[in-house]
């Protein structure tokens, strides 16, 4: 398991190599990882295990963001199909 310093250093190196000009803290990378797992179909138990949560309740917070993401995608798809509008 990586220490906090090692994880932050790895993230800084990835961000630098990607030429992203912003600070991305570990918790943001961790949150993004969980979000991507859910977007790509992982179930809550799998995400909870990957995140090291002792309870699925800790993982439920990621669903709020997932719902808003999915809602934006549904609205975007609807507008595109009805009016050929591209909003996302």
PDB file of N, CA and C in Angstrom:
ATOM      1  N   UNK A   1       0.845  -1.182   0.000  1.00  0.00           N
ATOM      2  CA  UNK A   1       0.000   0.000   0.000  1.00  0.00           C
ATOM      3  C   UNK A   1       0.889   1.243   0.000  1.00  0.00           C
ATOM      4  N   UNK A   2       0.522   2.212  -0.813  1.00  0.00           N
ATOM      5  CA  UNK A   2       1.279   3.456  -0.899  1.00  0.00           C
ATOM      6  C   UNK A   2       1.023   4.340   0.311  1.00  0.00           C
ATOM      7  N   UNK A   3       2.072   5.024   0.737  1.00  0.00           N
ATOM      8  CA  UNK A   3       1.863   6.033   1.775  1.00  0.00           C
ATOM      9  C   UNK A   3       1.199   7.249   1.135  1.00  0.00           C
ATOM     10  N   UNK A   4       0.674   8.148   1.980  1.00  0.00           N
ATOM     11  CA  UNK A   4       0.045   9.366   1.459  1.00  0.00           C
ATOM     12  C   UNK A   4       1.027  10.179   0.637  1.00  0.00           C
ATOM     13  N   UNK A   5       2.258  10.296   1.123  1.00  0.00           N
ATOM     14  CA  UNK A   5       3.260  11.072   0.391  1.00  0.00           C
ATOM     15  C   UNK A   5       3.593  10.441  -0.956  1.00  0.00           C
ATOM     16  N   UNK A   6       3.716   9.124  -0.985  1.00  0.00           N
ATOM     17  CA  UNK A   6       4.021   8.435  -2.243  1.00  0.00           C
ATOM     18  C   UNK A   6       2.871   8.578  -3.233  1.00  0.00           C
ATOM     19  N   UNK A   7       1.651   8.471  -2.743  1.00  0.00           N
ATOM     20  CA  UNK A   7       0.478   8.612  -3.623  1.00  0.00           C
ATOM     21  C   UNK A   7       0.405  10.029  -4.179  1.00  0.00           C
ATOM     22  N   UNK A   8       0.595  11.026  -3.324  1.00  0.00           N
ATOM     23  CA  UNK A   8       0.561  12.419  -3.794  1.00  0.00           C
ATOM     24  C   UNK A   8       1.678  12.698  -4.794  1.00  0.00           C
ATOM     25  N   UNK A   9       2.854  12.129  -4.560  1.00  0.00           N
ATOM     26  CA  UNK A   9       3.973  12.316  -5.486  1.00  0.00           C
ATOM     27  C   UNK A   9       3.656  11.668  -6.844  1.00  0.00           C
ATOM     28  N   UNK A  10       3.067  10.483  -6.810  1.00  0.00           N
ATOM     29  CA  UNK A  10       2.700   9.806  -8.065  1.00  0.00           C
ATOM     30  C   UNK A  10       1.669  10.628  -8.828  1.00  0.00           C
ATOM     31  N   UNK A  11       0.685  11.167  -8.120  1.00  0.00           N
ATOM     32  CA  UNK A  11      -0.340  11.989  -8.774  1.00  0.00           C
ATOM     33  C   UNK A  11       0.293  13.241  -9.367  1.00  0.00           C
ATOM     34  N   UNK A  12       1.176  13.906  -8.601  1.00  0.00           N
ATOM     35  CA  UNK A  12       1.858  15.102  -9.127  1.00  0.00           C
ATOM     36  C   UNK A  12       2.624  14.777 -10.402  1.00  0.00           C
ATOM     37  N   UNK A  13       3.295  13.628 -10.424  1.00  0.00           N
ATOM     38  CA  UNK A  13       4.055  13.231 -11.621  1.00  0.00           C
ATOM     39  C   UNK A  13       3.134  12.969 -12.807  1.00  0.00           C
ATOM     40  N   UNK A  14       2.006  12.306 -12.574  1.00  0.00           N
ATOM     41  CA  UNK A  14       1.048  12.034 -13.657  1.00  0.00           C
ATOM     42  C   UNK A  14       0.469  13.336 -14.209  1.00  0.00           C
ATOM     43  N   UNK A  15       0.127  14.243 -13.293  1.00  0.00           N
ATOM     44  CA  UNK A  15      -0.436  15.534 -13.703  1.00  0.00           C
ATOM     45  C   UNK A  15       0.590  16.315 -14.517  1.00  0.00           C
ATOM     46  N   UNK A  16       1.823  16.304 -14.062  1.00  0.00           N
ATOM     47  CA  UNK A  16       2.893  17.018 -14.773  1.00  0.00           C
ATOM     48  C   UNK A  16       3.109  16.426 -16.167  1.00  0.00           C
ATOM     49  N   UNK A  17       3.161  15.093 -16.259  1.00  0.00           N
ATOM     50  CA  UNK A  17       3.354  14.437 -17.569  1.00  0.00           C
ATOM     51  C   UNK A  17       2.182  14.698 -18.509  1.00  0.00           C
ATOM     52  N   UNK A  18       0.988  14.847 -17.949  1.00  0.00           N
ATOM     53  CA  UNK A  18      -0.195  15.124 -18.767  1.00  0.00           C
ATOM     54  C   UNK A  18      -0.303  16.608 -19.116  1.00  0.00           C
ATOM     55  N   UNK A  19       0.647  17.402 -18.598  1.00  0.00           N
ATOM     56  CA  UNK A  19       0.684  18.853 -18.831  1.00  0.00           C
ATOM     57  C   UNK A  19      -0.596  19.545 -18.377  1.00  0.00           C
ATOM     58  N   UNK A  20      -1.084  19.096 -17.238  1.00  0.00           N
ATOM     59  CA  UNK A  20      -2.247  19.726 -16.612  1.00  0.00           C
ATOM     60  C   UNK A  20      -1.713  20.737 -15.614  1.00  0.00           C
ATOM     61  N   UNK A  21      -2.123  21.977 -15.764  1.00  0.00           N
ATOM     62  CA  UNK A  21      -1.605  23.047 -14.922  1.00  0.00           C
ATOM     63  C   UNK A  21      -2.538  23.317 -13.748  1.00  0.00           C
ATOM     64  N   UNK A  22      -2.625  22.335 -12.848  1.00  0.00           N
ATOM     65  CA  UNK A  22      -3.430  22.521 -11.643  1.00  0.00           C
ATOM     66  C   UNK A  22      -3.016  21.493 -10.602  1.00  0.00           C
ATOM     67  N   UNK A  23      -3.307  21.801  -9.369  1.00  0.00           N
ATOM     68  CA  UNK A  23      -3.028  20.881  -8.262  1.00  0.00           C
ATOM     69  C   UNK A  23      -4.208  19.926  -8.114  1.00  0.00           C
ATOM     70  N   UNK A  24      -3.919  18.638  -8.137  1.00  0.00           N
ATOM     71  CA  UNK A  24      -4.967  17.639  -7.950  1.00  0.00           C
ATOM     72  C   UNK A  24      -4.599  16.825  -6.711  1.00  0.00           C
ATOM     73  N   UNK A  25      -5.296  17.079  -5.595  1.00  0.00           N
ATOM     74  CA  UNK A  25      -4.977  16.340  -4.370  1.00  0.00           C
ATOM     75  C   UNK A  25      -5.433  14.886  -4.449  1.00  0.00           C
ATOM     76  N   UNK A  26      -4.872  14.085  -3.573  1.00  0.00           N
ATOM     77  CA  UNK A  26      -5.157  12.660  -3.559  1.00  0.00           C
ATOM     78  C   UNK A  26      -6.645  12.374  -3.460  1.00  0.00           C
ATOM     79  N   UNK A  27      -7.356  13.097  -2.579  1.00  0.00           N
ATOM     80  CA  UNK A  27      -8.779  12.791  -2.393  1.00  0.00           C
ATOM     81  C   UNK A  27      -9.570  13.018  -3.681  1.00  0.00           C
ATOM     82  N   UNK A  28      -9.150  13.974  -4.521  1.00  0.00           N
ATOM     83  CA  UNK A  28      -9.845  14.192  -5.800  1.00  0.00           C
ATOM     84  C   UNK A  28      -9.606  13.017  -6.745  1.00  0.00           C
ATOM     85  N   UNK A  29      -8.376  12.536  -6.773  1.00  0.00           N
ATOM     86  CA  UNK A  29      -8.068  11.375  -7.613  1.00  0.00           C
ATOM     87  C   UNK A  29      -8.830  10.148  -7.119  1.00  0.00           C
ATOM     88  N   UNK A  30      -8.914   9.998  -5.808  1.00  0.00           N
ATOM     89  CA  UNK A  30      -9.636   8.875  -5.209  1.00  0.00           C
ATOM     90  C   UNK A  30     -11.128   8.949  -5.543  1.00  0.00           C
ATOM     91  N   UNK A  31     -11.689  10.132  -5.432  1.00  0.00           N
ATOM     92  CA  UNK A  31     -13.103  10.342  -5.745  1.00  0.00           C
ATOM     93  C   UNK A  31     -13.366  10.054  -7.229  1.00  0.00           C
ATOM     94  N   UNK A  32     -12.486  10.528  -8.086  1.00  0.00           N
ATOM     95  CA  UNK A  32     -12.629  10.303  -9.525  1.00  0.00           C
ATOM     96  C   UNK A  32     -12.571   8.813  -9.847  1.00  0.00           C
ATOM     97  N   UNK A  33     -11.664   8.103  -9.181  1.00  0.00           N
ATOM     98  CA  UNK A  33     -11.547   6.655  -9.378  1.00  0.00           C
ATOM     99  C   UNK A  33     -12.866   5.958  -9.032  1.00  0.00           C
ATOM    100  N   UNK A  34     -13.432   6.290  -7.877  1.00  0.00           N
ATOM    101  CA  UNK A  34     -14.704   5.677  -7.457  1.00  0.00           C
ATOM    102  C   UNK A  34     -15.820   6.027  -8.432  1.00  0.00           C
ATOM    103  N   UNK A  35     -15.859   7.272  -8.855  1.00  0.00           N
ATOM    104  CA  UNK A  35     -16.884   7.732  -9.790  1.00  0.00           C
ATOM    105  C   UNK A  35     -16.791   6.970 -11.108  1.00  0.00           C
ATOM    106  N   UNK A  36     -15.580   6.810 -11.613  1.00  0.00           N
ATOM    107  CA  UNK A  36     -15.389   6.094 -12.875  1.00  0.00           C
ATOM    108  C   UNK A  36     -15.779   4.623 -12.753  1.00  0.00           C
ATOM    109  N   UNK A  37     -15.483   4.022 -11.610  1.00  0.00           N
ATOM    110  CA  UNK A  37     -15.921   2.638 -11.401  1.00  0.00           C
ATOM    111  C   UNK A  37     -17.438   2.529 -11.527  1.00  0.00           C
ATOM    112  N   UNK A  38     -18.150   3.452 -10.875  1.00  0.00           N
ATOM    113  CA  UNK A  38     -19.611   3.414 -10.925  1.00  0.00           C
ATOM    114  C   UNK A  38     -20.150   3.711 -12.316  1.00  0.00           C
ATOM    115  N   UNK A  39     -19.576   4.694 -12.991  1.00  0.00           N
ATOM    116  CA  UNK A  39     -20.016   5.022 -14.354  1.00  0.00           C
ATOM    117  C   UNK A  39     -19.862   3.820 -15.275  1.00  0.00           C
ATOM    118  N   UNK A  40     -18.802   3.049 -15.042  1.00  0.00           N
ATOM    119  CA  UNK A  40     -18.529   1.905 -15.908  1.00  0.00           C
ATOM    120  C   UNK A  40     -19.181   0.618 -15.427  1.00  0.00           C
ATOM    121  N   UNK A  41     -20.150   0.745 -14.489  1.00  0.00           N
ATOM    122  CA  UNK A  41     -20.977  -0.399 -14.148  1.00  0.00           C
ATOM    123  C   UNK A  41     -20.605  -1.188 -12.916  1.00  0.00           C
ATOM    124  N   UNK A  42     -19.588  -0.768 -12.162  1.00  0.00           N
ATOM    125  CA  UNK A  42     -19.246  -1.503 -10.943  1.00  0.00           C
ATOM    126  C   UNK A  42     -20.371  -1.332  -9.920  1.00  0.00           C
ATOM    127  N   UNK A  43     -20.602  -2.362  -9.130  1.00  0.00           N
ATOM    128  CA  UNK A  43     -21.635  -2.245  -8.097  1.00  0.00           C
ATOM    129  C   UNK A  43     -21.047  -1.605  -6.841  1.00  0.00           C
ATOM    130  N   UNK A  44     -21.917  -1.199  -5.926  1.00  0.00           N
ATOM    131  CA  UNK A  44     -21.475  -0.492  -4.724  1.00  0.00           C
ATOM    132  C   UNK A  44     -20.526  -1.320  -3.871  1.00  0.00           C
ATOM    133  N   UNK A  45     -20.745  -2.603  -3.766  1.00  0.00           N
ATOM    134  CA  UNK A  45     -19.875  -3.468  -2.960  1.00  0.00           C
ATOM    135  C   UNK A  45     -18.462  -3.481  -3.531  1.00  0.00           C
ATOM    136  N   UNK A  46     -18.354  -3.569  -4.839  1.00  0.00           N
ATOM    137  CA  UNK A  46     -17.045  -3.567  -5.494  1.00  0.00           C
ATOM    138  C   UNK A  46     -16.320  -2.254  -5.245  1.00  0.00           C
ATOM    139  N   UNK A  47     -17.053  -1.146  -5.379  1.00  0.00           N
ATOM    140  CA  UNK A  47     -16.453   0.176  -5.153  1.00  0.00           C
ATOM    141  C   UNK A  47     -16.063   0.328  -3.687  1.00  0.00           C
ATOM    142  N   UNK A  48     -16.924  -0.110  -2.775  1.00  0.00           N
ATOM    143  CA  UNK A  48     -16.618  -0.033  -1.345  1.00  0.00           C
ATOM    144  C   UNK A  48     -15.339  -0.800  -1.026  1.00  0.00           C
ATOM    145  N   UNK A  49     -15.200  -1.979  -1.598  1.00  0.00           N
ATOM    146  CA  UNK A  49     -13.991  -2.778  -1.384  1.00  0.00           C
ATOM    147  C   UNK A  49     -12.760  -2.094  -1.967  1.00  0.00           C
ATOM    148  N   UNK A  50     -12.886  -1.554  -3.175  1.00  0.00           N
ATOM    149  CA  UNK A  50     -11.754  -0.882  -3.826  1.00  0.00           C
ATOM    150  C   UNK A  50     -11.316   0.355  -3.051  1.00  0.00           C
ATOM    151  N   UNK A  51     -12.278   1.024  -2.419  1.00  0.00           N
ATOM    152  CA  UNK A  51     -11.980   2.248  -1.679  1.00  0.00           C
ATOM    153  C   UNK A  51     -11.544   1.950  -0.241  1.00  0.00           C
ATOM    154  N   UNK A  52     -11.683   0.705   0.181  1.00  0.00           N
ATOM    155  CA  UNK A  52     -11.316   0.343   1.541  1.00  0.00           C
ATOM    156  C   UNK A  52     -12.345   0.744   2.581  1.00  0.00           C
ATOM    157  N   UNK A  53     -13.583   0.950   2.147  1.00  0.00           N
ATOM    158  CA  UNK A  53     -14.649   1.325   3.079  1.00  0.00           C
ATOM    159  C   UNK A  53     -15.104   0.097   3.859  1.00  0.00           C
ATOM    160  N   UNK A  54     -15.321   0.280   5.144  1.00  0.00           N
ATOM    161  CA  UNK A  54     -15.797  -0.834   5.968  1.00  0.00           C
ATOM    162  C   UNK A  54     -17.310  -1.010   5.831  1.00  0.00           C
ATOM    163  N   UNK A  55     -17.982   0.011   5.314  1.00  0.00           N
ATOM    164  CA  UNK A  55     -19.431  -0.030   5.152  1.00  0.00           C
ATOM    165  C   UNK A  55     -19.813   0.580   3.799  1.00  0.00           C
ATOM    166  N   UNK A  56     -20.820   0.026   3.175  1.00  0.00           N
ATOM    167  CA  UNK A  56     -21.306   0.582   1.904  1.00  0.00           C
ATOM    168  C   UNK A  56     -21.867   1.983   2.122  1.00  0.00           C
ATOM    169  N   UNK A  57     -22.296   2.288   3.339  1.00  0.00           N
ATOM    170  CA  UNK A  57     -22.812   3.629   3.633  1.00  0.00           C
ATOM    171  C   UNK A  57     -21.785   4.705   3.281  1.00  0.00           C
ATOM    172  N   UNK A  58     -20.527   4.421   3.503  1.00  0.00           N
ATOM    173  CA  UNK A  58     -19.474   5.386   3.162  1.00  0.00           C
ATOM    174  C   UNK A  58     -19.386   5.601   1.660  1.00  0.00           C
ATOM    175  N   UNK A  59     -19.793   4.621   0.897  1.00  0.00           N
ATOM    176  CA  UNK A  59     -19.691   4.667  -0.561  1.00  0.00           C
ATOM    177  C   UNK A  59     -20.901   5.348  -1.201  1.00  0.00           C
ATOM    178  N   UNK A  60     -21.983   5.455  -0.479  1.00  0.00           N
ATOM    179  CA  UNK A  60     -23.210   6.023  -1.034  1.00  0.00           C
ATOM    180  C   UNK A  60     -23.048   7.464  -1.512  1.00  0.00           C
ATOM    181  N   UNK A  61     -22.105   8.210  -0.930  1.00  0.00           N
ATOM    182  CA  UNK A  61     -21.919   9.607  -1.325  1.00  0.00           C
ATOM    183  C   UNK A  61     -21.557   9.733  -2.803  1.00  0.00           C
ATOM    184  N   UNK A  62     -20.943   8.709  -3.361  1.00  0.00           N
ATOM    185  CA  UNK A  62     -20.568   8.764  -4.770  1.00  0.00           C
ATOM    186  C   UNK A  62     -21.776   8.665  -5.694  1.00  0.00           C
ATOM    187  N   UNK A  63     -22.878   8.124  -5.184  1.00  0.00           N
ATOM    188  CA  UNK A  63     -24.080   7.995  -6.004  1.00  0.00           C
ATOM    189  C   UNK A  63     -24.688   9.350  -6.343  1.00  0.00           C
ATOM    190  N   UNK A  64     -24.611  10.323  -5.439  1.00  0.00           N
ATOM    191  CA  UNK A  64     -25.149  11.649  -5.730  1.00  0.00           C
ATOM    192  C   UNK A  64     -24.513  12.235  -6.977  1.00  0.00           C
ATOM    193  N   UNK A  65     -23.201  12.112  -7.068  1.00  0.00           N
ATOM    194  CA  UNK A  65     -22.495  12.635  -8.234  1.00  0.00           C
ATOM    195  C   UNK A  65     -22.821  11.820  -9.474  1.00  0.00           C
ATOM    196  N   UNK A  66     -22.973  10.532  -9.288  1.00  0.00           N
ATOM    197  CA  UNK A  66     -23.305   9.667 -10.417  1.00  0.00           C
ATOM    198  C   UNK A  66     -24.670  10.028 -10.986  1.00  0.00           C
ATOM    199  N   UNK A  67     -25.643  10.268 -10.093  1.00  0.00           N
ATOM    200  CA  UNK A  67     -26.976  10.622 -10.563  1.00  0.00           C
ATOM    201  C   UNK A  67     -26.947  11.924 -11.355  1.00  0.00           C
ATOM    202  N   UNK A  68     -26.203  12.930 -10.885  1.00  0.00           N
ATOM    203  CA  UNK A  68     -26.149  14.197 -11.616  1.00  0.00           C
ATOM    204  C   UNK A  68     -25.446  14.009 -12.951  1.00  0.00           C
ATOM    205  N   UNK A  69     -24.403  13.170 -12.979  1.00  0.00           N
ATOM    206  CA  UNK A  69     -23.710  12.894 -14.235  1.00  0.00           C
ATOM    207  C   UNK A  69     -24.648  12.187 -15.207  1.00  0.00           C
ATOM    208  N   UNK A  70     -25.312  11.154 -14.730  1.00  0.00           N
ATOM    209  CA  UNK A  70     -26.234  10.400 -15.586  1.00  0.00           C
ATOM    210  C   UNK A  70     -27.382  11.282 -16.068  1.00  0.00           C
ATOM    211  N   UNK A  71     -27.893  12.150 -15.186  1.00  0.00           N
ATOM    212  CA  UNK A  71     -28.983  13.050 -15.558  1.00  0.00           C
ATOM    213  C   UNK A  71     -28.528  14.005 -16.658  1.00  0.00           C
ATOM    214  N   UNK A  72     -27.341  14.573 -16.523  1.00  0.00           N
ATOM    215  CA  UNK A  72     -26.817  15.463 -17.557  1.00  0.00           C
ATOM    216  C   UNK A  72     -26.674  14.716 -18.882  1.00  0.00           C
ATOM    217  N   UNK A  73     -26.213  13.482 -18.807  1.00  0.00           N
ATOM    218  CA  UNK A  73     -26.046  12.687 -20.016  1.00  0.00           C
ATOM    219  C   UNK A  73     -27.392  12.385 -20.658  1.00  0.00           C
ATOM    220  N   UNK A  74     -28.392  12.045 -19.847  1.00  0.00           N
ATOM    221  CA  UNK A  74     -29.728  11.770 -20.379  1.00  0.00           C
ATOM    222  C   UNK A  74     -30.327  13.011 -21.038  1.00  0.00           C
ATOM    223  N   UNK A  75     -30.181  14.166 -20.390  1.00  0.00           N
ATOM    224  CA  UNK A  75     -30.700  15.412 -20.962  1.00  0.00           C
ATOM    225  C   UNK A  75     -29.975  15.741 -22.251  1.00  0.00           C
ATOM    226  N   UNK A  76     -28.661  15.574 -22.236  1.00  0.00           N
ATOM    227  CA  UNK A  76     -27.874  15.843 -23.439  1.00  0.00           C
ATOM    228  C   UNK A  76     -28.319  14.940 -24.595  1.00  0.00           C
ATOM    229  N   UNK A  77     -28.478  13.656 -24.303  1.00  0.00           N
ATOM    230  CA  UNK A  77     -28.920  12.712 -25.339  1.00  0.00           C
ATOM    231  C   UNK A  77     -30.311  13.070 -25.856  1.00  0.00           C
ATOM    232  N   UNK A  78     -31.199  13.448 -24.956  1.00  0.00           N
ATOM    233  CA  UNK A  78     -32.555  13.822 -25.344  1.00  0.00           C
ATOM    234  C   UNK A  78     -32.539  15.047 -26.260  1.00  0.00           C
ATOM    235  N   UNK A  79     -31.812  16.093 -25.854  1.00  0.00           N
ATOM    236  CA  UNK A  79     -31.746  17.311 -26.671  1.00  0.00           C
ATOM    237  C   UNK A  79     -31.102  17.036 -28.021  1.00  0.00           C
ATOM    238  N   UNK A  80     -30.094  16.192 -28.029  1.00  0.00           N
ATOM    239  CA  UNK A  80     -29.447  15.854 -29.286  1.00  0.00           C
ATOM    240  C   UNK A  80     -30.426  15.118 -30.202  1.00  0.00           C
ATOM    241  N   UNK A  81     -31.146  14.162 -29.637  1.00  0.00           N
ATOM    242  CA  UNK A  81     -32.076  13.380 -30.453  1.00  0.00           C
ATOM    243  C   UNK A  81     -33.277  14.191 -30.918  1.00  0.00           C
ATOM    244  N   UNK A  82     -33.744  15.111 -30.086  1.00  0.00           N
ATOM    245  CA  UNK A  82     -34.909  15.913 -30.461  1.00  0.00           C
ATOM    246  C   UNK A  82     -34.561  17.107 -31.348  1.00  0.00           C
ATOM    247  N   UNK A  83     -33.473  17.791 -31.014  1.00  0.00           N
ATOM    248  CA  UNK A  83     -33.179  19.061 -31.674  1.00  0.00           C
ATOM    249  C   UNK A  83     -31.803  19.138 -32.321  1.00  0.00           C
ATOM    250  N   UNK A  84     -31.027  18.069 -32.234  1.00  0.00           N
ATOM    251  CA  UNK A  84     -29.659  18.044 -32.747  1.00  0.00           C
ATOM    252  C   UNK A  84     -28.794  19.093 -32.018  1.00  0.00           C
ATOM    253  N   UNK A  85     -29.052  19.279 -30.698  1.00  0.00           N
ATOM    254  CA  UNK A  85     -28.267  20.203 -29.871  1.00  0.00           C
ATOM    255  C   UNK A  85     -27.179  19.405 -29.164  1.00  0.00           C
ATOM    256  N   UNK A  86     -26.005  19.969 -29.064  1.00  0.00           N
ATOM    257  CA  UNK A  86     -24.887  19.351 -28.348  1.00  0.00           C
ATOM    258  C   UNK A  86     -24.571  20.235 -27.145  1.00  0.00           C
ATOM    259  N   UNK A  87     -24.846  19.729 -25.920  1.00  0.00           N
ATOM    260  CA  UNK A  87     -24.581  20.552 -24.737  1.00  0.00           C
ATOM    261  C   UNK A  87     -23.471  19.995 -23.878  1.00  0.00           C
ATOM    262  N   UNK A  88     -23.101  18.744 -24.048  1.00  0.00           N
ATOM    263  CA  UNK A  88     -22.004  18.175 -23.235  1.00  0.00           C
ATOM    264  C   UNK A  88     -20.907  17.715 -24.164  1.00  0.00           C
TER     265      UNK A  88
END
